[in-house]
Structures are given as structure tokens and as C-alpha cells.
Amino acid sequence: MVEAELKKGLGYWSVLALSIGSIMGTTVFFGAGIGARHSGNLLVITNLLLALVVVYIAACFAELASSFPGAGGAYEFSKQAYGRFVSFIMGWTAWLVGNTAIVVMIIGAVNLLAPELGELKQFFVSALLITALSAVSYFGVQASGYMLVIFAAVMVAAPLVLIAVGLPAFHIKNFVPFITHPLYTVFVSAFFLIESYFGWEGATYLSEETKNPRRVIPKALLHGTIIIAVLNILLNVTILGVMKWSEVASKQLPILDVIGVLVKNDAFAYVLVS
């Protein structure tokens, strides 16, 4: 029996976009409040520590993807190491957790960003978004690749704009004193914020649909992780520089409050004119 060969239509930029989209968790956007509550200004140290850890993990996935460039990702890796039974459990667990997480994140994002809609309208908006994403996947790997590039561009551009606009309103005195909490709280914050980086296996699922996967996927995984880590560090430093850690800690979605402060101070207009 001849197995159908998957079309190799994904290049570096598509896989990089997939890596960013699958790794970059929603905690990047609302994690500052959680981190500030547990460790105050030491949130900066937490982000530096997490950056080192996640780049190491990304390097491990990159090595595995280079050694076993078959479709399946974590399923394929566990099959090579532990056999078919363990890989069967691993594959179904990853599929169930991954799909459940996507649904939860979409519903959570709609609920957080549009609370005025009410539960019924939020449900329909969430269902519409999930259906639209499924429809894009149905049209094939190239259509999905284009959509992934757009999503990744937006996810990277939004923090970059906020970082750039936040510079004129940045106050270094907000970091004095810097050690606001016991040092061990760095690890407490890291426990809650590590979700910002989960999803390395996402890009490895498409190894057989990627051109030169032994080179492209490891490269994209590492680059995507580094981009997210740098953005996360700069974004949290900006948020803490615009608002004191105690204010950030009291907010559910501090990034929106920071935007409000910047709009009030005409920081957006300042950057545009400059």
C-alpha cells in the first residue's frame, strides 16, 4: 500500500509564523498583572529567567525536529523513544489539550475584551471565530500559511507599537526600589507566566509539509522563541515603566490601562509626530 505524500508547501516564513502563533500564549498580554502581584518589579528578573529556560527548551525541540522530521511532532518523538503505546497516549493527549486550549483561549479573549456583549453574544462570536479558523484550514496548507503570517505579524506588531509609544511616558523611578518582594517570588511568577511560551510542538506537526524541514523547522522554532522572549521582556518593562508595579498588580488587564494612560498623555500623537 502506497502512502499519500503530503505537499511540501511551507517555507521558513510560514513556519516562523506558525511557531510564533503556537508558542505565544495570551499570558504575554495580561501576565504583567499576575507577575506584579507575586513579585512586583522583580517581574523583570522573572522574564529574563524564563527567556533562558524557554530558549533551551526550544533548542531541544529543534534538535528533535531535525533528527525526526516526520509528521506528528511529539507523537513521532515519543514513538522513537518509548514505542507506539506511549506515543498513542501522547498524540491523543496533545490533540485534546491543544484543541481544548484553543477554544478556552478564544472564549476567554472574547469575554475579556468584550464583556458588554453578554454571554449569548460572546458564545456566538467565539463560535464564529472558531468556524472561520477551521474554514481556513480546510482550504489547505498554503491558505493556512498566509493566515498564519498575518496573525503572527499582528501579534508581534501590537506589542512593538505599545513599546515604542510607551518610551516617552517611561519613568525609571517606577523601578525604585527594584527589590519589592522576596527573591523566591521570581519562581512563583515564573510558574504562572510560563504559559506565555507553551506550544513548541505546534510547528513540528507539519514537518512533512515543510520544504527542507531538517533546517527550516529548528531555525524557525529558535527564532520564534527568541522573538517572543524579547517582546515579553520589553513589553513588561514598558508596562512597569509607565505604571507603578502596585498599580499594575491591581489590574486584570494592565495592558489596556497602560494604553489608556498613553492616550491620556498624548503619547501616541507624540510618536507619530516624531
C-alpha atoms as a PDB file:
ATOM      1  CA  MET A   1       0.000   0.000   0.000  1.00  0.00           C
ATOM      2  CA  VAL A   2       1.450   3.349  -1.080  1.00  0.00           C
ATOM      3  CA  GLU A   3       1.116   6.166   1.424  1.00  0.00           C
ATOM      4  CA  ALA A   4      -0.049   9.519   0.113  1.00  0.00           C
ATOM      5  CA  GLU A   5       2.737  12.078   0.077  1.00  0.00           C
ATOM      6  CA  LEU A   6       1.938  15.406   1.690  1.00  0.00           C
ATOM      7  CA  LYS A   7       2.557  18.534  -0.363  1.00  0.00           C
ATOM      8  CA  LYS A   8       5.596  20.463   0.835  1.00  0.00           C
ATOM      9  CA  GLY A   9       4.207  23.984   0.608  1.00  0.00           C
ATOM     10  CA  LEU A  10       5.523  25.669   3.761  1.00  0.00           C
ATOM     11  CA  GLY A  11       8.689  27.735   3.802  1.00  0.00           C
ATOM     12  CA  TYR A  12      10.662  29.442   6.554  1.00  0.00           C
ATOM     13  CA  TRP A  13       8.355  32.456   6.991  1.00  0.00           C
ATOM     14  CA  SER A  14       5.217  30.338   7.221  1.00  0.00           C
ATOM     15  CA  VAL A  15       6.799  28.021   9.798  1.00  0.00           C
ATOM     16  CA  LEU A  16       8.176  31.016  11.725  1.00  0.00           C
ATOM     17  CA  ALA A  17       4.655  32.486  11.790  1.00  0.00           C
ATOM     18  CA  LEU A  18       3.265  29.129  12.952  1.00  0.00           C
ATOM     19  CA  SER A  19       5.932  28.953  15.663  1.00  0.00           C
ATOM     20  CA  ILE A  20       5.101  32.434  16.944  1.00  0.00           C
ATOM     21  CA  GLY A  21       1.360  31.772  16.780  1.00  0.00           C
ATOM     22  CA  SER A  22       1.551  28.434  18.578  1.00  0.00           C
ATOM     23  CA  ILE A  23       4.146  29.434  21.186  1.00  0.00           C
ATOM     24  CA  MET A  24       2.983  32.960  22.046  1.00  0.00           C
ATOM     25  CA  GLY A  25       0.345  32.478  24.739  1.00  0.00           C
ATOM     26  CA  THR A  26      -2.239  35.015  25.859  1.00  0.00           C
ATOM     27  CA  THR A  27      -0.305  35.477  29.107  1.00  0.00           C
ATOM     28  CA  VAL A  28       2.057  37.723  27.147  1.00  0.00           C
ATOM     29  CA  PHE A  29      -0.740  40.308  27.048  1.00  0.00           C
ATOM     30  CA  PHE A  30      -2.219  40.017  30.553  1.00  0.00           C
ATOM     31  CA  GLY A  31       0.593  38.339  32.506  1.00  0.00           C
ATOM     32  CA  ALA A  32       2.082  41.612  33.791  1.00  0.00           C
ATOM     33  CA  GLY A  33      -0.696  41.921  36.360  1.00  0.00           C
ATOM     34  CA  ILE A  34      -0.193  38.358  37.594  1.00  0.00           C
ATOM     35  CA  GLY A  35       3.578  38.746  37.774  1.00  0.00           C
ATOM     36  CA  ALA A  36       3.420  42.133  39.518  1.00  0.00           C
ATOM     37  CA  ARG A  37       1.060  40.740  42.169  1.00  0.00           C
ATOM     38  CA  HIS A  38       3.525  37.999  43.066  1.00  0.00           C
ATOM     39  CA  SER A  39       6.929  39.634  42.563  1.00  0.00           C
ATOM     40  CA  GLY A  40       6.496  43.371  41.911  1.00  0.00           C
ATOM     41  CA  ASN A  41       9.402  44.866  39.955  1.00  0.00           C
ATOM     42  CA  LEU A  42      11.195  41.513  40.149  1.00  0.00           C
ATOM     43  CA  LEU A  43       8.898  40.560  37.263  1.00  0.00           C
ATOM     44  CA  VAL A  44      11.759  41.774  35.052  1.00  0.00           C
ATOM     45  CA  ILE A  45      14.053  39.096  36.539  1.00  0.00           C
ATOM     46  CA  THR A  46      11.284  36.525  36.072  1.00  0.00           C
ATOM     47  CA  ASN A  47      11.108  37.319  32.362  1.00  0.00           C
ATOM     48  CA  LEU A  48      14.887  37.097  31.956  1.00  0.00           C
ATOM     49  CA  LEU A  49      14.908  33.729  33.742  1.00  0.00           C
ATOM     50  CA  LEU A  50      12.045  32.420  31.619  1.00  0.00           C
ATOM     51  CA  ALA A  51      13.808  33.574  28.445  1.00  0.00           C
ATOM     52  CA  LEU A  52      16.830  31.399  29.249  1.00  0.00           C
ATOM     53  CA  VAL A  53      14.671  28.378  30.090  1.00  0.00           C
ATOM     54  CA  VAL A  54      12.409  28.571  27.036  1.00  0.00           C
ATOM     55  CA  VAL A  55      15.254  29.081  24.558  1.00  0.00           C
ATOM     56  CA  TYR A  56      16.836  25.906  25.971  1.00  0.00           C
ATOM     57  CA  ILE A  57      13.536  24.005  25.576  1.00  0.00           C
ATOM     58  CA  ALA A  58      13.143  25.359  22.029  1.00  0.00           C
ATOM     59  CA  ALA A  59      16.653  24.089  21.244  1.00  0.00           C
ATOM     60  CA  CYS A  60      15.607  20.606  22.456  1.00  0.00           C
ATOM     61  CA  PHE A  61      12.538  20.620  20.178  1.00  0.00           C
ATOM     62  CA  ALA A  62      14.700  21.938  17.335  1.00  0.00           C
ATOM     63  CA  GLU A  63      17.133  19.049  17.758  1.00  0.00           C
ATOM     64  CA  LEU A  64      14.285  16.509  17.813  1.00  0.00           C
ATOM     65  CA  ALA A  65      12.665  18.048  14.721  1.00  0.00           C
ATOM     66  CA  SER A  66      15.979  17.911  12.903  1.00  0.00           C
ATOM     67  CA  SER A  67      16.570  14.271  13.866  1.00  0.00           C
ATOM     68  CA  PHE A  68      12.992  13.047  13.207  1.00  0.00           C
ATOM     69  CA  PRO A  69      11.421  15.320  10.553  1.00  0.00           C
ATOM     70  CA  GLY A  70       8.272  13.219  10.159  1.00  0.00           C
ATOM     71  CA  ALA A  71       4.698  14.383  10.636  1.00  0.00           C
ATOM     72  CA  GLY A  72       3.351  14.041  14.163  1.00  0.00           C
ATOM     73  CA  GLY A  73       5.672  16.136  16.298  1.00  0.00           C
ATOM     74  CA  ALA A  74       5.501  14.961  19.923  1.00  0.00           C
ATOM     75  CA  TYR A  75       3.835  11.715  18.767  1.00  0.00           C
ATOM     76  CA  GLU A  76       6.772  10.931  16.488  1.00  0.00           C
ATOM     77  CA  PHE A  77       9.382  11.834  19.119  1.00  0.00           C
ATOM     78  CA  SER A  78       7.782   9.693  21.840  1.00  0.00           C
ATOM     79  CA  LYS A  79       7.356   6.798  19.378  1.00  0.00           C
ATOM     80  CA  GLN A  80      11.075   6.824  18.659  1.00  0.00           C
ATOM     81  CA  ALA A  81      11.910   6.892  22.372  1.00  0.00           C
ATOM     82  CA  TYR A  82       9.195   4.812  24.057  1.00  0.00           C
ATOM     83  CA  GLY A  83       7.253   2.890  21.433  1.00  0.00           C
ATOM     84  CA  ARG A  84       3.771   3.019  19.934  1.00  0.00           C
ATOM     85  CA  PHE A  85       1.651   2.721  23.087  1.00  0.00           C
ATOM     86  CA  VAL A  86       3.210   5.737  24.816  1.00  0.00           C
ATOM     87  CA  SER A  87       3.166   7.711  21.567  1.00  0.00           C
ATOM     88  CA  PHE A  88      -0.531   6.836  21.097  1.00  0.00           C
ATOM     89  CA  ILE A  89      -1.320   8.294  24.544  1.00  0.00           C
ATOM     90  CA  MET A  90       0.932  11.290  23.873  1.00  0.00           C
ATOM     91  CA  GLY A  91      -0.654  12.015  20.498  1.00  0.00           C
ATOM     92  CA  TRP A  92      -4.261  11.925  21.728  1.00  0.00           C
ATOM     93  CA  THR A  93      -3.386  13.922  24.869  1.00  0.00           C
ATOM     94  CA  ALA A  94      -1.666  16.627  22.807  1.00  0.00           C
ATOM     95  CA  TRP A  95      -4.614  16.759  20.376  1.00  0.00           C
ATOM     96  CA  LEU A  96      -7.251  17.002  23.117  1.00  0.00           C
ATOM     97  CA  VAL A  97      -5.343  19.519  25.243  1.00  0.00           C
ATOM     98  CA  GLY A  98      -4.379  21.624  22.217  1.00  0.00           C
ATOM     99  CA  ASN A  99      -7.894  21.891  20.811  1.00  0.00           C
ATOM    100  CA  THR A 100      -9.454  22.471  24.223  1.00  0.00           C
ATOM    101  CA  ALA A 101      -6.908  25.197  24.981  1.00  0.00           C
ATOM    102  CA  ILE A 102      -7.669  26.996  21.707  1.00  0.00           C
ATOM    103  CA  VAL A 103     -11.399  27.029  22.439  1.00  0.00           C
ATOM    104  CA  VAL A 104     -10.837  28.207  26.021  1.00  0.00           C
ATOM    105  CA  MET A 105      -8.467  30.971  24.903  1.00  0.00           C
ATOM    106  CA  ILE A 106     -10.849  32.249  22.224  1.00  0.00           C
ATOM    107  CA  ILE A 107     -13.810  32.286  24.615  1.00  0.00           C
ATOM    108  CA  GLY A 108     -11.682  33.870  27.347  1.00  0.00           C
ATOM    109  CA  ALA A 109     -10.368  36.569  24.991  1.00  0.00           C
ATOM    110  CA  VAL A 110     -13.859  37.466  23.758  1.00  0.00           C
ATOM    111  CA  ASN A 111     -15.153  37.560  27.334  1.00  0.00           C
ATOM    112  CA  LEU A 112     -12.278  39.766  28.493  1.00  0.00           C
ATOM    113  CA  LEU A 113     -12.222  42.176  25.543  1.00  0.00           C
ATOM    114  CA  ALA A 114     -15.995  42.482  25.036  1.00  0.00           C
ATOM    115  CA  PRO A 115     -17.717  41.905  28.397  1.00  0.00           C
ATOM    116  CA  GLU A 116     -20.596  44.179  27.381  1.00  0.00           C
ATOM    117  CA  LEU A 117     -21.820  41.703  24.748  1.00  0.00           C
ATOM    118  CA  GLY A 118     -23.333  39.304  27.268  1.00  0.00           C
ATOM    119  CA  GLU A 119     -22.855  35.540  27.459  1.00  0.00           C
ATOM    120  CA  LEU A 120     -25.052  34.591  24.483  1.00  0.00           C
ATOM    121  CA  LYS A 121     -23.446  37.032  22.034  1.00  0.00           C
ATOM    122  CA  GLN A 122     -19.999  36.110  23.328  1.00  0.00           C
ATOM    123  CA  PHE A 123     -20.783  32.465  22.604  1.00  0.00           C
ATOM    124  CA  PHE A 124     -21.816  33.225  19.008  1.00  0.00           C
ATOM    125  CA  VAL A 125     -18.782  35.453  18.390  1.00  0.00           C
ATOM    126  CA  SER A 126     -16.479  32.729  19.733  1.00  0.00           C
ATOM    127  CA  ALA A 127     -18.210  30.070  17.609  1.00  0.00           C
ATOM    128  CA  LEU A 128     -17.887  32.314  14.538  1.00  0.00           C
ATOM    129  CA  LEU A 129     -14.147  32.795  15.114  1.00  0.00           C
ATOM    130  CA  ILE A 130     -13.573  29.063  15.604  1.00  0.00           C
ATOM    131  CA  THR A 131     -15.586  28.270  12.450  1.00  0.00           C
ATOM    132  CA  ALA A 132     -13.655  30.856  10.429  1.00  0.00           C
ATOM    133  CA  LEU A 133     -10.298  29.424  11.534  1.00  0.00           C
ATOM    134  CA  SER A 134     -11.475  25.897  10.721  1.00  0.00           C
ATOM    135  CA  ALA A 135     -12.606  27.057   7.269  1.00  0.00           C
ATOM    136  CA  VAL A 136      -9.151  28.490   6.543  1.00  0.00           C
ATOM    137  CA  SER A 137      -7.562  25.156   7.498  1.00  0.00           C
ATOM    138  CA  TYR A 138      -9.971  23.341   5.167  1.00  0.00           C
ATOM    139  CA  PHE A 139      -8.637  25.241   2.136  1.00  0.00           C
ATOM    140  CA  GLY A 140      -5.209  23.729   2.572  1.00  0.00           C
ATOM    141  CA  VAL A 141      -1.729  24.372   3.879  1.00  0.00           C
ATOM    142  CA  GLN A 142      -0.979  27.392   1.680  1.00  0.00           C
ATOM    143  CA  ALA A 143      -4.116  29.271   2.741  1.00  0.00           C
ATOM    144  CA  SER A 144      -3.303  28.440   6.364  1.00  0.00           C
ATOM    145  CA  GLY A 145       0.260  29.636   5.804  1.00  0.00           C
ATOM    146  CA  TYR A 146      -0.888  33.052   4.584  1.00  0.00           C
ATOM    147  CA  MET A 147      -3.260  33.404   7.531  1.00  0.00           C
ATOM    148  CA  LEU A 148      -0.535  32.396   9.985  1.00  0.00           C
ATOM    149  CA  VAL A 149       1.800  35.063   8.609  1.00  0.00           C
ATOM    150  CA  ILE A 150      -0.924  37.706   9.072  1.00  0.00           C
ATOM    151  CA  PHE A 151      -1.707  36.562  12.632  1.00  0.00           C
ATOM    152  CA  ALA A 152       1.974  36.465  13.587  1.00  0.00           C
ATOM    153  CA  ALA A 153       2.551  39.938  12.122  1.00  0.00           C
ATOM    154  CA  VAL A 154      -0.313  41.336  14.215  1.00  0.00           C
ATOM    155  CA  MET A 155       0.820  39.528  17.378  1.00  0.00           C
ATOM    156  CA  VAL A 156       4.338  40.928  17.006  1.00  0.00           C
ATOM    157  CA  ALA A 157       3.341  44.402  15.777  1.00  0.00           C
ATOM    158  CA  ALA A 158       0.876  45.118  18.627  1.00  0.00           C
ATOM    159  CA  PRO A 159       3.466  44.811  21.453  1.00  0.00           C
ATOM    160  CA  LEU A 160       6.073  46.634  19.345  1.00  0.00           C
ATOM    161  CA  VAL A 161       3.748  49.612  18.862  1.00  0.00           C
ATOM    162  CA  LEU A 162       2.968  49.745  22.584  1.00  0.00           C
ATOM    163  CA  ILE A 163       6.677  49.531  23.454  1.00  0.00           C
ATOM    164  CA  ALA A 164       7.548  52.351  21.036  1.00  0.00           C
ATOM    165  CA  VAL A 165       4.679  54.549  22.195  1.00  0.00           C
ATOM    166  CA  GLY A 166       5.450  53.857  25.866  1.00  0.00           C
ATOM    167  CA  LEU A 167       9.008  55.237  25.691  1.00  0.00           C
ATOM    168  CA  PRO A 168       8.028  58.925  26.118  1.00  0.00           C
ATOM    169  CA  ALA A 169       5.898  58.021  29.176  1.00  0.00           C
ATOM    170  CA  PHE A 170       8.540  55.723  30.714  1.00  0.00           C
ATOM    171  CA  HIS A 171       9.582  56.605  34.290  1.00  0.00           C
ATOM    172  CA  ILE A 172      12.742  54.944  35.596  1.00  0.00           C
ATOM    173  CA  LYS A 173      11.754  55.948  39.135  1.00  0.00           C
ATOM    174  CA  ASN A 174       8.988  53.319  38.976  1.00  0.00           C
ATOM    175  CA  PHE A 175      11.739  50.722  39.440  1.00  0.00           C
ATOM    176  CA  VAL A 176      12.950  52.249  42.714  1.00  0.00           C
ATOM    177  CA  PRO A 177      13.096  50.246  44.885  1.00  0.00           C
ATOM    178  CA  PHE A 178      13.708  47.355  42.500  1.00  0.00           C
ATOM    179  CA  ILE A 179      13.594  44.529  45.050  1.00  0.00           C
ATOM    180  CA  THR A 180       9.993  44.932  46.185  1.00  0.00           C
ATOM    181  CA  HIS A 181       9.410  41.273  47.118  1.00  0.00           C
ATOM    182  CA  PRO A 182      11.458  38.305  48.400  1.00  0.00           C
ATOM    183  CA  LEU A 183      13.684  36.834  45.692  1.00  0.00           C
ATOM    184  CA  TYR A 184      11.912  33.455  45.730  1.00  0.00           C
ATOM    185  CA  THR A 185       8.784  35.137  44.302  1.00  0.00           C
ATOM    186  CA  VAL A 186      10.599  35.220  40.961  1.00  0.00           C
ATOM    187  CA  PHE A 187       9.934  31.481  40.692  1.00  0.00           C
ATOM    188  CA  VAL A 188       6.312  31.875  41.785  1.00  0.00           C
ATOM    189  CA  SER A 189       5.722  34.341  38.949  1.00  0.00           C
ATOM    190  CA  ALA A 190       7.576  32.079  36.530  1.00  0.00           C
ATOM    191  CA  PHE A 191       5.164  29.247  37.369  1.00  0.00           C
ATOM    192  CA  PHE A 192       2.187  31.371  36.296  1.00  0.00           C
ATOM    193  CA  LEU A 193       3.850  33.040  33.291  1.00  0.00           C
ATOM    194  CA  ILE A 194       5.465  30.015  31.622  1.00  0.00           C
ATOM    195  CA  GLU A 195       2.198  29.596  29.651  1.00  0.00           C
ATOM    196  CA  SER A 196       3.412  32.507  27.546  1.00  0.00           C
ATOM    197  CA  TYR A 197       5.713  30.063  25.774  1.00  0.00           C
ATOM    198  CA  PHE A 198       3.919  26.706  25.586  1.00  0.00           C
ATOM    199  CA  GLY A 199       3.352  25.312  22.099  1.00  0.00           C
ATOM    200  CA  TRP A 200       6.750  24.384  20.637  1.00  0.00           C
ATOM    201  CA  GLU A 201       5.273  21.169  19.261  1.00  0.00           C
ATOM    202  CA  GLY A 202       2.866  23.127  17.013  1.00  0.00           C
ATOM    203  CA  ALA A 203       5.410  23.728  14.248  1.00  0.00           C
ATOM    204  CA  THR A 204       6.771  20.177  14.367  1.00  0.00           C
ATOM    205  CA  TYR A 205       3.412  18.678  13.329  1.00  0.00           C
ATOM    206  CA  LEU A 206       3.919  19.977   9.795  1.00  0.00           C
ATOM    207  CA  SER A 207       7.376  18.563   9.133  1.00  0.00           C
ATOM    208  CA  GLU A 208       6.246  16.586   6.071  1.00  0.00           C
ATOM    209  CA  GLU A 209       4.538  19.681   4.647  1.00  0.00           C
ATOM    210  CA  THR A 210       7.629  21.870   5.033  1.00  0.00           C
ATOM    211  CA  LYS A 211      10.374  22.414   2.495  1.00  0.00           C
ATOM    212  CA  ASN A 212      13.701  21.193   3.920  1.00  0.00           C
ATOM    213  CA  PRO A 213      12.233  20.512   7.406  1.00  0.00           C
ATOM    214  CA  ARG A 214      15.564  19.450   8.955  1.00  0.00           C
ATOM    215  CA  ARG A 215      16.800  23.011   8.523  1.00  0.00           C
ATOM    216  CA  VAL A 216      13.674  25.183   8.413  1.00  0.00           C
ATOM    217  CA  ILE A 217      11.762  23.931  11.488  1.00  0.00           C
ATOM    218  CA  PRO A 218      14.655  24.083  14.006  1.00  0.00           C
ATOM    219  CA  LYS A 219      15.616  27.530  12.732  1.00  0.00           C
ATOM    220  CA  ALA A 220      12.025  28.829  12.906  1.00  0.00           C
ATOM    221  CA  LEU A 221      11.443  27.356  16.388  1.00  0.00           C
ATOM    222  CA  LEU A 222      14.520  29.033  17.842  1.00  0.00           C
ATOM    223  CA  HIS A 223      13.934  32.362  16.099  1.00  0.00           C
ATOM    224  CA  GLY A 224      10.247  32.396  17.076  1.00  0.00           C
ATOM    225  CA  THR A 225      11.036  31.665  20.734  1.00  0.00           C
ATOM    226  CA  ILE A 226      13.712  34.372  20.880  1.00  0.00           C
ATOM    227  CA  ILE A 227      11.380  36.934  19.267  1.00  0.00           C
ATOM    228  CA  ILE A 228       8.621  36.184  21.811  1.00  0.00           C
ATOM    229  CA  ALA A 229      11.060  36.241  24.745  1.00  0.00           C
ATOM    230  CA  VAL A 230      12.476  39.641  23.741  1.00  0.00           C
ATOM    231  CA  LEU A 231       8.988  41.066  23.147  1.00  0.00           C
ATOM    232  CA  ASN A 232       7.804  39.750  26.519  1.00  0.00           C
ATOM    233  CA  ILE A 233      10.724  41.325  28.381  1.00  0.00           C
ATOM    234  CA  LEU A 234      10.396  44.707  26.632  1.00  0.00           C
ATOM    235  CA  LEU A 235       6.607  44.757  26.996  1.00  0.00           C
ATOM    236  CA  ASN A 236       6.681  44.085  30.733  1.00  0.00           C
ATOM    237  CA  VAL A 237       9.479  46.605  31.287  1.00  0.00           C
ATOM    238  CA  THR A 238       7.399  49.176  29.391  1.00  0.00           C
ATOM    239  CA  ILE A 239       4.250  48.427  31.407  1.00  0.00           C
ATOM    240  CA  LEU A 240       6.146  48.713  34.709  1.00  0.00           C
ATOM    241  CA  GLY A 241       7.822  51.890  33.469  1.00  0.00           C
ATOM    242  CA  VAL A 242       4.527  53.567  32.587  1.00  0.00           C
ATOM    243  CA  MET A 243       2.621  52.401  35.695  1.00  0.00           C
ATOM    244  CA  LYS A 244       3.967  51.531  39.153  1.00  0.00           C
ATOM    245  CA  TRP A 245       4.055  47.834  39.941  1.00  0.00           C
ATOM    246  CA  SER A 246       1.397  48.294  42.644  1.00  0.00           C
ATOM    247  CA  GLU A 247      -0.993  49.761  40.058  1.00  0.00           C
ATOM    248  CA  VAL A 248      -0.204  47.020  37.550  1.00  0.00           C
ATOM    249  CA  ALA A 249      -0.837  44.379  40.221  1.00  0.00           C
ATOM    250  CA  SER A 250      -4.348  45.719  40.830  1.00  0.00           C
ATOM    251  CA  LYS A 251      -5.411  45.428  37.172  1.00  0.00           C
ATOM    252  CA  GLN A 252      -6.954  42.413  35.452  1.00  0.00           C
ATOM    253  CA  LEU A 253      -5.708  43.511  32.020  1.00  0.00           C
ATOM    254  CA  PRO A 254      -2.984  46.106  32.707  1.00  0.00           C
ATOM    255  CA  ILE A 255      -2.082  46.476  29.051  1.00  0.00           C
ATOM    256  CA  LEU A 256      -5.419  48.221  28.407  1.00  0.00           C
ATOM    257  CA  ASP A 257      -4.855  50.549  31.372  1.00  0.00           C
ATOM    258  CA  VAL A 258      -1.387  51.392  30.054  1.00  0.00           C
ATOM    259  CA  ILE A 259      -2.912  52.225  26.665  1.00  0.00           C
ATOM    260  CA  GLY A 260      -5.389  54.473  28.497  1.00  0.00           C
ATOM    261  CA  VAL A 261      -2.535  56.285  30.261  1.00  0.00           C
ATOM    262  CA  LEU A 262      -0.647  56.739  26.985  1.00  0.00           C
ATOM    263  CA  VAL A 263      -3.736  58.092  25.211  1.00  0.00           C
ATOM    264  CA  LYS A 264      -4.375  60.494  28.088  1.00  0.00           C
ATOM    265  CA  ASN A 265      -0.775  61.739  27.871  1.00  0.00           C
ATOM    266  CA  ASP A 266      -0.949  62.035  24.055  1.00  0.00           C
ATOM    267  CA  ALA A 267       1.984  59.614  23.756  1.00  0.00           C
ATOM    268  CA  PHE A 268       0.616  58.149  20.512  1.00  0.00           C
ATOM    269  CA  ALA A 269       0.424  61.604  18.946  1.00  0.00           C
ATOM    270  CA  TYR A 270       3.979  62.373  20.156  1.00  0.00           C
ATOM    271  CA  VAL A 271       5.399  59.260  18.484  1.00  0.00           C
ATOM    272  CA  LEU A 272       3.503  59.880  15.245  1.00  0.00           C
ATOM    273  CA  VAL A 273       4.684  63.493  15.027  1.00  0.00           C
ATOM    274  CA  SER A 274       8.267  62.497  15.858  1.00  0.00           C
END
